[in-house]
């Protein structure tokens, strides 16, 4: 009975997300539903994640005022501009609690707290197309089960409610998948240490070319 109730709750959450792709609370609810799934176990077993979990970094803590004060052209300053232009707070995607232990929580916490930095470095915007492009990048690099689910929700939303945006979404997904395969893994990076680096240096570190960033931005 409990499994049936869980499936009904999962389906209801997914349908609501298809109708409104801006509901971050629904994304978090779906992410939590994967906690005991085989897909999440595959992510935890990937080399990049295992290496990170062997020596996890302290949870990233970012404050807009400090980011704005960083040197011109640095990752931190560019990140602040990215957030300010979209009226976002860096803590908006912090979901996993700091006082909860476990490998799955540590992995999710690291992803959540660096999520918008990935947007900034890769050039994907925070609209639906940009988010789908980043999820495709996650799938290419981490085989994310949540990424597959979010791609399907975003494409269904486009088919049912925003067909005019369908080509942009598909182009962003294609771009994200190709970028994820072509660049060094972003997961596990010491983002706190790289905030003062010139953003061009950060991109070069991962093998991201400026033309890749421009193409991603145009796709999204």
C-alpha atoms as a PDB file:
ATOM      1  CA  UNK A   1       0.000   0.000   0.000  1.00  0.00           C
ATOM      2  CA  UNK A   2       2.815   2.396   0.887  1.00  0.00           C
ATOM      3  CA  UNK A   3       4.432   1.807  -2.515  1.00  0.00           C
ATOM      4  CA  UNK A   4       1.156   2.565  -4.307  1.00  0.00           C
ATOM      5  CA  UNK A   5       0.713   5.789  -2.339  1.00  0.00           C
ATOM      6  CA  UNK A   6       4.299   6.750  -3.181  1.00  0.00           C
ATOM      7  CA  UNK A   7       3.716   6.129  -6.894  1.00  0.00           C
ATOM      8  CA  UNK A   8       0.524   8.209  -6.849  1.00  0.00           C
ATOM      9  CA  UNK A   9       2.335  11.054  -5.073  1.00  0.00           C
ATOM     10  CA  UNK A  10       5.223  10.813  -7.557  1.00  0.00           C
ATOM     11  CA  UNK A  11       2.859  10.875 -10.560  1.00  0.00           C
ATOM     12  CA  UNK A  12       0.927  13.822  -9.135  1.00  0.00           C
ATOM     13  CA  UNK A  13       4.135  15.794  -8.575  1.00  0.00           C
ATOM     14  CA  UNK A  14       5.368  15.015 -12.079  1.00  0.00           C
ATOM     15  CA  UNK A  15       2.079  16.099 -13.706  1.00  0.00           C
ATOM     16  CA  UNK A  16       2.151  19.381 -11.777  1.00  0.00           C
ATOM     17  CA  UNK A  17       5.722  20.002 -12.934  1.00  0.00           C
ATOM     18  CA  UNK A  18       4.725  19.361 -16.556  1.00  0.00           C
ATOM     19  CA  UNK A  19       2.075  22.065 -16.163  1.00  0.00           C
ATOM     20  CA  UNK A  20       4.408  24.525 -14.401  1.00  0.00           C
ATOM     21  CA  UNK A  21       8.131  23.959 -15.029  1.00  0.00           C
ATOM     22  CA  UNK A  22       9.099  26.926 -12.798  1.00  0.00           C
ATOM     23  CA  UNK A  23       8.099  25.093  -9.590  1.00  0.00           C
ATOM     24  CA  UNK A  24      11.444  24.461  -7.916  1.00  0.00           C
ATOM     25  CA  UNK A  25       9.672  22.855  -4.951  1.00  0.00           C
ATOM     26  CA  UNK A  26       8.342  20.158  -7.284  1.00  0.00           C
ATOM     27  CA  UNK A  27      11.844  19.554  -8.662  1.00  0.00           C
ATOM     28  CA  UNK A  28      13.133  19.057  -5.107  1.00  0.00           C
ATOM     29  CA  UNK A  29      10.258  16.676  -4.333  1.00  0.00           C
ATOM     30  CA  UNK A  30      11.057  14.581  -7.403  1.00  0.00           C
ATOM     31  CA  UNK A  31      14.778  14.630  -6.563  1.00  0.00           C
ATOM     32  CA  UNK A  32      14.009  13.282  -3.087  1.00  0.00           C
ATOM     33  CA  UNK A  33      11.981  10.448  -4.606  1.00  0.00           C
ATOM     34  CA  UNK A  34      15.178   9.055  -6.177  1.00  0.00           C
ATOM     35  CA  UNK A  35      16.988   8.624  -2.855  1.00  0.00           C
ATOM     36  CA  UNK A  36      16.766   4.820  -2.879  1.00  0.00           C
ATOM     37  CA  UNK A  37      16.656   4.277  -6.623  1.00  0.00           C
ATOM     38  CA  UNK A  38      19.092   2.203  -8.732  1.00  0.00           C
ATOM     39  CA  UNK A  39      19.726   5.317 -10.825  1.00  0.00           C
ATOM     40  CA  UNK A  40      21.025   7.246  -7.831  1.00  0.00           C
ATOM     41  CA  UNK A  41      23.203   4.300  -6.852  1.00  0.00           C
ATOM     42  CA  UNK A  42      24.769   4.373 -10.336  1.00  0.00           C
ATOM     43  CA  UNK A  43      25.547   8.064  -9.861  1.00  0.00           C
ATOM     44  CA  UNK A  44      27.160   7.353  -6.494  1.00  0.00           C
ATOM     45  CA  UNK A  45      29.273   4.615  -8.090  1.00  0.00           C
ATOM     46  CA  UNK A  46      30.648   6.859 -10.863  1.00  0.00           C
ATOM     47  CA  UNK A  47      34.399   7.594 -10.573  1.00  0.00           C
ATOM     48  CA  UNK A  48      33.982  11.368 -10.150  1.00  0.00           C
ATOM     49  CA  UNK A  49      31.408  11.018  -7.384  1.00  0.00           C
ATOM     50  CA  UNK A  50      33.331   8.271  -5.559  1.00  0.00           C
ATOM     51  CA  UNK A  51      36.497  10.380  -5.648  1.00  0.00           C
ATOM     52  CA  UNK A  52      34.613  13.384  -4.252  1.00  0.00           C
ATOM     53  CA  UNK A  53      32.880  11.377  -1.520  1.00  0.00           C
ATOM     54  CA  UNK A  54      36.221   9.994  -0.363  1.00  0.00           C
ATOM     55  CA  UNK A  55      37.255  13.560   0.555  1.00  0.00           C
ATOM     56  CA  UNK A  56      34.163  15.804   0.376  1.00  0.00           C
ATOM     57  CA  UNK A  57      34.618  19.563   0.415  1.00  0.00           C
ATOM     58  CA  UNK A  58      32.904  21.801   2.972  1.00  0.00           C
ATOM     59  CA  UNK A  59      29.451  22.866   1.737  1.00  0.00           C
ATOM     60  CA  UNK A  60      29.741  25.907  -0.498  1.00  0.00           C
ATOM     61  CA  UNK A  61      28.491  29.114   1.137  1.00  0.00           C
ATOM     62  CA  UNK A  62      27.999  32.092  -1.156  1.00  0.00           C
ATOM     63  CA  UNK A  63      26.960  35.652  -0.334  1.00  0.00           C
ATOM     64  CA  UNK A  64      26.055  38.104  -3.073  1.00  0.00           C
ATOM     65  CA  UNK A  65      27.770  41.064  -1.426  1.00  0.00           C
ATOM     66  CA  UNK A  66      31.059  39.175  -1.274  1.00  0.00           C
ATOM     67  CA  UNK A  67      30.724  37.925  -4.844  1.00  0.00           C
ATOM     68  CA  UNK A  68      30.078  41.469  -6.130  1.00  0.00           C
ATOM     69  CA  UNK A  69      33.289  42.663  -4.438  1.00  0.00           C
ATOM     70  CA  UNK A  70      35.512  40.135  -6.198  1.00  0.00           C
ATOM     71  CA  UNK A  71      37.916  41.221  -8.969  1.00  0.00           C
ATOM     72  CA  UNK A  72      36.520  42.250 -12.337  1.00  0.00           C
ATOM     73  CA  UNK A  73      36.378  39.274 -14.684  1.00  0.00           C
ATOM     74  CA  UNK A  74      36.652  36.696 -11.904  1.00  0.00           C
ATOM     75  CA  UNK A  75      34.272  33.766 -11.667  1.00  0.00           C
ATOM     76  CA  UNK A  76      32.788  35.210  -8.468  1.00  0.00           C
ATOM     77  CA  UNK A  77      32.141  38.626 -10.023  1.00  0.00           C
ATOM     78  CA  UNK A  78      30.676  37.072 -13.198  1.00  0.00           C
ATOM     79  CA  UNK A  79      28.528  34.811 -11.052  1.00  0.00           C
ATOM     80  CA  UNK A  80      27.213  37.807  -9.094  1.00  0.00           C
ATOM     81  CA  UNK A  81      26.341  39.555 -12.359  1.00  0.00           C
ATOM     82  CA  UNK A  82      24.598  36.407 -13.599  1.00  0.00           C
ATOM     83  CA  UNK A  83      22.481  36.270 -10.430  1.00  0.00           C
ATOM     84  CA  UNK A  84      21.780  40.018 -10.317  1.00  0.00           C
ATOM     85  CA  UNK A  85      20.613  40.105 -13.934  1.00  0.00           C
ATOM     86  CA  UNK A  86      18.069  37.384 -13.154  1.00  0.00           C
ATOM     87  CA  UNK A  87      17.193  38.669  -9.661  1.00  0.00           C
ATOM     88  CA  UNK A  88      18.290  35.375  -8.089  1.00  0.00           C
ATOM     89  CA  UNK A  89      19.731  34.539  -4.687  1.00  0.00           C
ATOM     90  CA  UNK A  90      22.546  31.934  -4.602  1.00  0.00           C
ATOM     91  CA  UNK A  91      20.804  30.191  -1.685  1.00  0.00           C
ATOM     92  CA  UNK A  92      17.621  29.647  -3.720  1.00  0.00           C
ATOM     93  CA  UNK A  93      18.683  26.128  -4.717  1.00  0.00           C
ATOM     94  CA  UNK A  94      19.957  25.093  -1.262  1.00  0.00           C
ATOM     95  CA  UNK A  95      17.685  22.203  -0.309  1.00  0.00           C
ATOM     96  CA  UNK A  96      19.722  19.447   1.349  1.00  0.00           C
ATOM     97  CA  UNK A  97      20.187  20.081   5.063  1.00  0.00           C
ATOM     98  CA  UNK A  98      23.647  20.671   6.490  1.00  0.00           C
ATOM     99  CA  UNK A  99      22.999  18.429   9.492  1.00  0.00           C
ATOM    100  CA  UNK A 100      22.076  15.354   7.426  1.00  0.00           C
ATOM    101  CA  UNK A 101      24.775  12.767   6.750  1.00  0.00           C
ATOM    102  CA  UNK A 102      25.153  10.187   4.002  1.00  0.00           C
ATOM    103  CA  UNK A 103      26.754   9.882   0.570  1.00  0.00           C
ATOM    104  CA  UNK A 104      23.570  10.698  -1.350  1.00  0.00           C
ATOM    105  CA  UNK A 105      22.987  13.863   0.673  1.00  0.00           C
ATOM    106  CA  UNK A 106      26.619  14.960   0.271  1.00  0.00           C
ATOM    107  CA  UNK A 107      26.429  14.504  -3.492  1.00  0.00           C
ATOM    108  CA  UNK A 108      23.108  16.322  -3.819  1.00  0.00           C
ATOM    109  CA  UNK A 109      24.283  19.149  -1.562  1.00  0.00           C
ATOM    110  CA  UNK A 110      27.404  19.670  -3.682  1.00  0.00           C
ATOM    111  CA  UNK A 111      25.324  19.717  -6.873  1.00  0.00           C
ATOM    112  CA  UNK A 112      22.717  22.086  -5.450  1.00  0.00           C
ATOM    113  CA  UNK A 113      25.238  24.605  -4.173  1.00  0.00           C
ATOM    114  CA  UNK A 114      27.219  24.691  -7.409  1.00  0.00           C
ATOM    115  CA  UNK A 115      24.219  24.458  -9.780  1.00  0.00           C
ATOM    116  CA  UNK A 116      24.079  28.131 -10.760  1.00  0.00           C
ATOM    117  CA  UNK A 117      27.867  28.268 -11.074  1.00  0.00           C
ATOM    118  CA  UNK A 118      27.550  25.564 -13.745  1.00  0.00           C
ATOM    119  CA  UNK A 119      25.010  27.798 -15.502  1.00  0.00           C
ATOM    120  CA  UNK A 120      27.473  30.697 -15.426  1.00  0.00           C
ATOM    121  CA  UNK A 121      30.505  28.752 -16.615  1.00  0.00           C
ATOM    122  CA  UNK A 122      28.674  26.853 -19.365  1.00  0.00           C
ATOM    123  CA  UNK A 123      26.543  29.726 -20.663  1.00  0.00           C
ATOM    124  CA  UNK A 124      23.109  28.189 -20.111  1.00  0.00           C
ATOM    125  CA  UNK A 125      20.426  30.622 -18.958  1.00  0.00           C
ATOM    126  CA  UNK A 126      17.893  29.845 -16.229  1.00  0.00           C
ATOM    127  CA  UNK A 127      14.840  29.701 -18.506  1.00  0.00           C
ATOM    128  CA  UNK A 128      13.322  26.312 -19.345  1.00  0.00           C
ATOM    129  CA  UNK A 129      15.567  25.744 -22.370  1.00  0.00           C
ATOM    130  CA  UNK A 130      18.677  26.609 -20.366  1.00  0.00           C
ATOM    131  CA  UNK A 131      17.699  24.354 -17.485  1.00  0.00           C
ATOM    132  CA  UNK A 132      17.072  21.482 -19.889  1.00  0.00           C
ATOM    133  CA  UNK A 133      20.450  22.089 -21.502  1.00  0.00           C
ATOM    134  CA  UNK A 134      22.144  21.856 -18.110  1.00  0.00           C
ATOM    135  CA  UNK A 135      20.195  18.708 -17.243  1.00  0.00           C
ATOM    136  CA  UNK A 136      21.430  17.147 -20.492  1.00  0.00           C
ATOM    137  CA  UNK A 137      24.965  18.092 -19.384  1.00  0.00           C
ATOM    138  CA  UNK A 138      24.293  16.357 -16.035  1.00  0.00           C
ATOM    139  CA  UNK A 139      23.157  13.225 -17.866  1.00  0.00           C
ATOM    140  CA  UNK A 140      26.243  13.189 -20.089  1.00  0.00           C
ATOM    141  CA  UNK A 141      28.626  13.572 -17.146  1.00  0.00           C
ATOM    142  CA  UNK A 142      26.806  11.891 -14.252  1.00  0.00           C
ATOM    143  CA  UNK A 143      24.030   9.725 -15.772  1.00  0.00           C
ATOM    144  CA  UNK A 144      21.544  11.658 -13.636  1.00  0.00           C
ATOM    145  CA  UNK A 145      18.155   9.875 -13.326  1.00  0.00           C
ATOM    146  CA  UNK A 146      16.529  13.145 -12.260  1.00  0.00           C
ATOM    147  CA  UNK A 147      17.944  14.732 -15.417  1.00  0.00           C
ATOM    148  CA  UNK A 148      16.089  12.235 -17.592  1.00  0.00           C
ATOM    149  CA  UNK A 149      12.859  12.926 -15.711  1.00  0.00           C
ATOM    150  CA  UNK A 150      13.227  16.708 -15.984  1.00  0.00           C
ATOM    151  CA  UNK A 151      13.989  16.492 -19.701  1.00  0.00           C
ATOM    152  CA  UNK A 152      10.801  14.525 -20.264  1.00  0.00           C
ATOM    153  CA  UNK A 153       8.779  17.035 -18.200  1.00  0.00           C
ATOM    154  CA  UNK A 154      10.259  19.980 -20.079  1.00  0.00           C
ATOM    155  CA  UNK A 155       9.579  18.426 -23.476  1.00  0.00           C
ATOM    156  CA  UNK A 156       6.012  17.473 -22.525  1.00  0.00           C
ATOM    157  CA  UNK A 157       5.440  20.995 -21.238  1.00  0.00           C
ATOM    158  CA  UNK A 158       6.660  22.343 -24.572  1.00  0.00           C
ATOM    159  CA  UNK A 159       4.483  19.989 -26.581  1.00  0.00           C
ATOM    160  CA  UNK A 160       1.331  20.729 -24.554  1.00  0.00           C
ATOM    161  CA  UNK A 161       1.694  24.389 -23.585  1.00  0.00           C
ATOM    162  CA  UNK A 162       4.689  26.077 -25.277  1.00  0.00           C
ATOM    163  CA  UNK A 163       5.172  24.459 -28.672  1.00  0.00           C
ATOM    164  CA  UNK A 164       6.744  27.679 -29.967  1.00  0.00           C
ATOM    165  CA  UNK A 165       9.725  27.027 -27.684  1.00  0.00           C
ATOM    166  CA  UNK A 166      10.225  23.414 -28.745  1.00  0.00           C
ATOM    167  CA  UNK A 167      13.120  23.986 -31.135  1.00  0.00           C
ATOM    168  CA  UNK A 168      15.067  26.050 -28.559  1.00  0.00           C
ATOM    169  CA  UNK A 169      14.621  23.348 -25.953  1.00  0.00           C
ATOM    170  CA  UNK A 170      15.799  20.595 -28.271  1.00  0.00           C
ATOM    171  CA  UNK A 171      18.800  22.654 -29.379  1.00  0.00           C
ATOM    172  CA  UNK A 172      19.757  23.368 -25.749  1.00  0.00           C
ATOM    173  CA  UNK A 173      19.437  19.692 -24.837  1.00  0.00           C
ATOM    174  CA  UNK A 174      21.617  18.690 -27.784  1.00  0.00           C
ATOM    175  CA  UNK A 175      24.191  21.335 -26.876  1.00  0.00           C
ATOM    176  CA  UNK A 176      24.257  20.289 -23.221  1.00  0.00           C
ATOM    177  CA  UNK A 177      24.721  16.616 -24.073  1.00  0.00           C
ATOM    178  CA  UNK A 178      27.594  17.346 -26.453  1.00  0.00           C
ATOM    179  CA  UNK A 179      29.282  19.723 -24.012  1.00  0.00           C
ATOM    180  CA  UNK A 180      29.006  17.195 -21.212  1.00  0.00           C
ATOM    181  CA  UNK A 181      30.752  14.577 -23.299  1.00  0.00           C
ATOM    182  CA  UNK A 182      33.486  16.915 -24.511  1.00  0.00           C
ATOM    183  CA  UNK A 183      34.574  18.643 -21.281  1.00  0.00           C
ATOM    184  CA  UNK A 184      36.265  17.586 -18.059  1.00  0.00           C
ATOM    185  CA  UNK A 185      33.898  16.681 -15.181  1.00  0.00           C
ATOM    186  CA  UNK A 186      32.554  19.704 -13.327  1.00  0.00           C
ATOM    187  CA  UNK A 187      31.322  17.650 -10.385  1.00  0.00           C
ATOM    188  CA  UNK A 188      33.653  17.663  -7.394  1.00  0.00           C
ATOM    189  CA  UNK A 189      35.436  20.879  -8.347  1.00  0.00           C
ATOM    190  CA  UNK A 190      36.625  23.172  -5.568  1.00  0.00           C
ATOM    191  CA  UNK A 191      34.380  26.054  -6.595  1.00  0.00           C
ATOM    192  CA  UNK A 192      35.216  28.114  -3.516  1.00  0.00           C
ATOM    193  CA  UNK A 193      38.889  28.151  -4.516  1.00  0.00           C
ATOM    194  CA  UNK A 194      38.068  29.071  -8.119  1.00  0.00           C
ATOM    195  CA  UNK A 195      35.840  32.059  -7.345  1.00  0.00           C
ATOM    196  CA  UNK A 196      38.813  34.445  -7.595  1.00  0.00           C
ATOM    197  CA  UNK A 197      40.114  32.919 -10.839  1.00  0.00           C
ATOM    198  CA  UNK A 198      39.443  34.732 -14.115  1.00  0.00           C
ATOM    199  CA  UNK A 199      36.391  33.037 -15.593  1.00  0.00           C
ATOM    200  CA  UNK A 200      38.362  32.293 -18.782  1.00  0.00           C
ATOM    201  CA  UNK A 201      40.848  30.340 -16.640  1.00  0.00           C
ATOM    202  CA  UNK A 202      38.027  28.356 -15.046  1.00  0.00           C
ATOM    203  CA  UNK A 203      36.602  27.472 -18.447  1.00  0.00           C
ATOM    204  CA  UNK A 204      40.028  26.513 -19.778  1.00  0.00           C
ATOM    205  CA  UNK A 205      40.528  24.287 -16.731  1.00  0.00           C
ATOM    206  CA  UNK A 206      37.464  22.258 -17.757  1.00  0.00           C
ATOM    207  CA  UNK A 207      38.174  22.406 -21.490  1.00  0.00           C
ATOM    208  CA  UNK A 208      35.257  24.747 -22.224  1.00  0.00           C
ATOM    209  CA  UNK A 209      35.824  27.005 -25.216  1.00  0.00           C
ATOM    210  CA  UNK A 210      34.330  30.472 -25.563  1.00  0.00           C
ATOM    211  CA  UNK A 211      32.515  29.360 -28.718  1.00  0.00           C
ATOM    212  CA  UNK A 212      30.937  26.544 -26.672  1.00  0.00           C
ATOM    213  CA  UNK A 213      29.612  29.103 -24.175  1.00  0.00           C
ATOM    214  CA  UNK A 214      28.238  31.346 -26.924  1.00  0.00           C
ATOM    215  CA  UNK A 215      26.583  28.407 -28.652  1.00  0.00           C
ATOM    216  CA  UNK A 216      25.020  27.252 -25.379  1.00  0.00           C
ATOM    217  CA  UNK A 217      23.711  30.754 -24.670  1.00  0.00           C
ATOM    218  CA  UNK A 218      22.196  30.995 -28.158  1.00  0.00           C
ATOM    219  CA  UNK A 219      20.604  27.550 -27.815  1.00  0.00           C
ATOM    220  CA  UNK A 220      19.020  28.431 -24.481  1.00  0.00           C
END
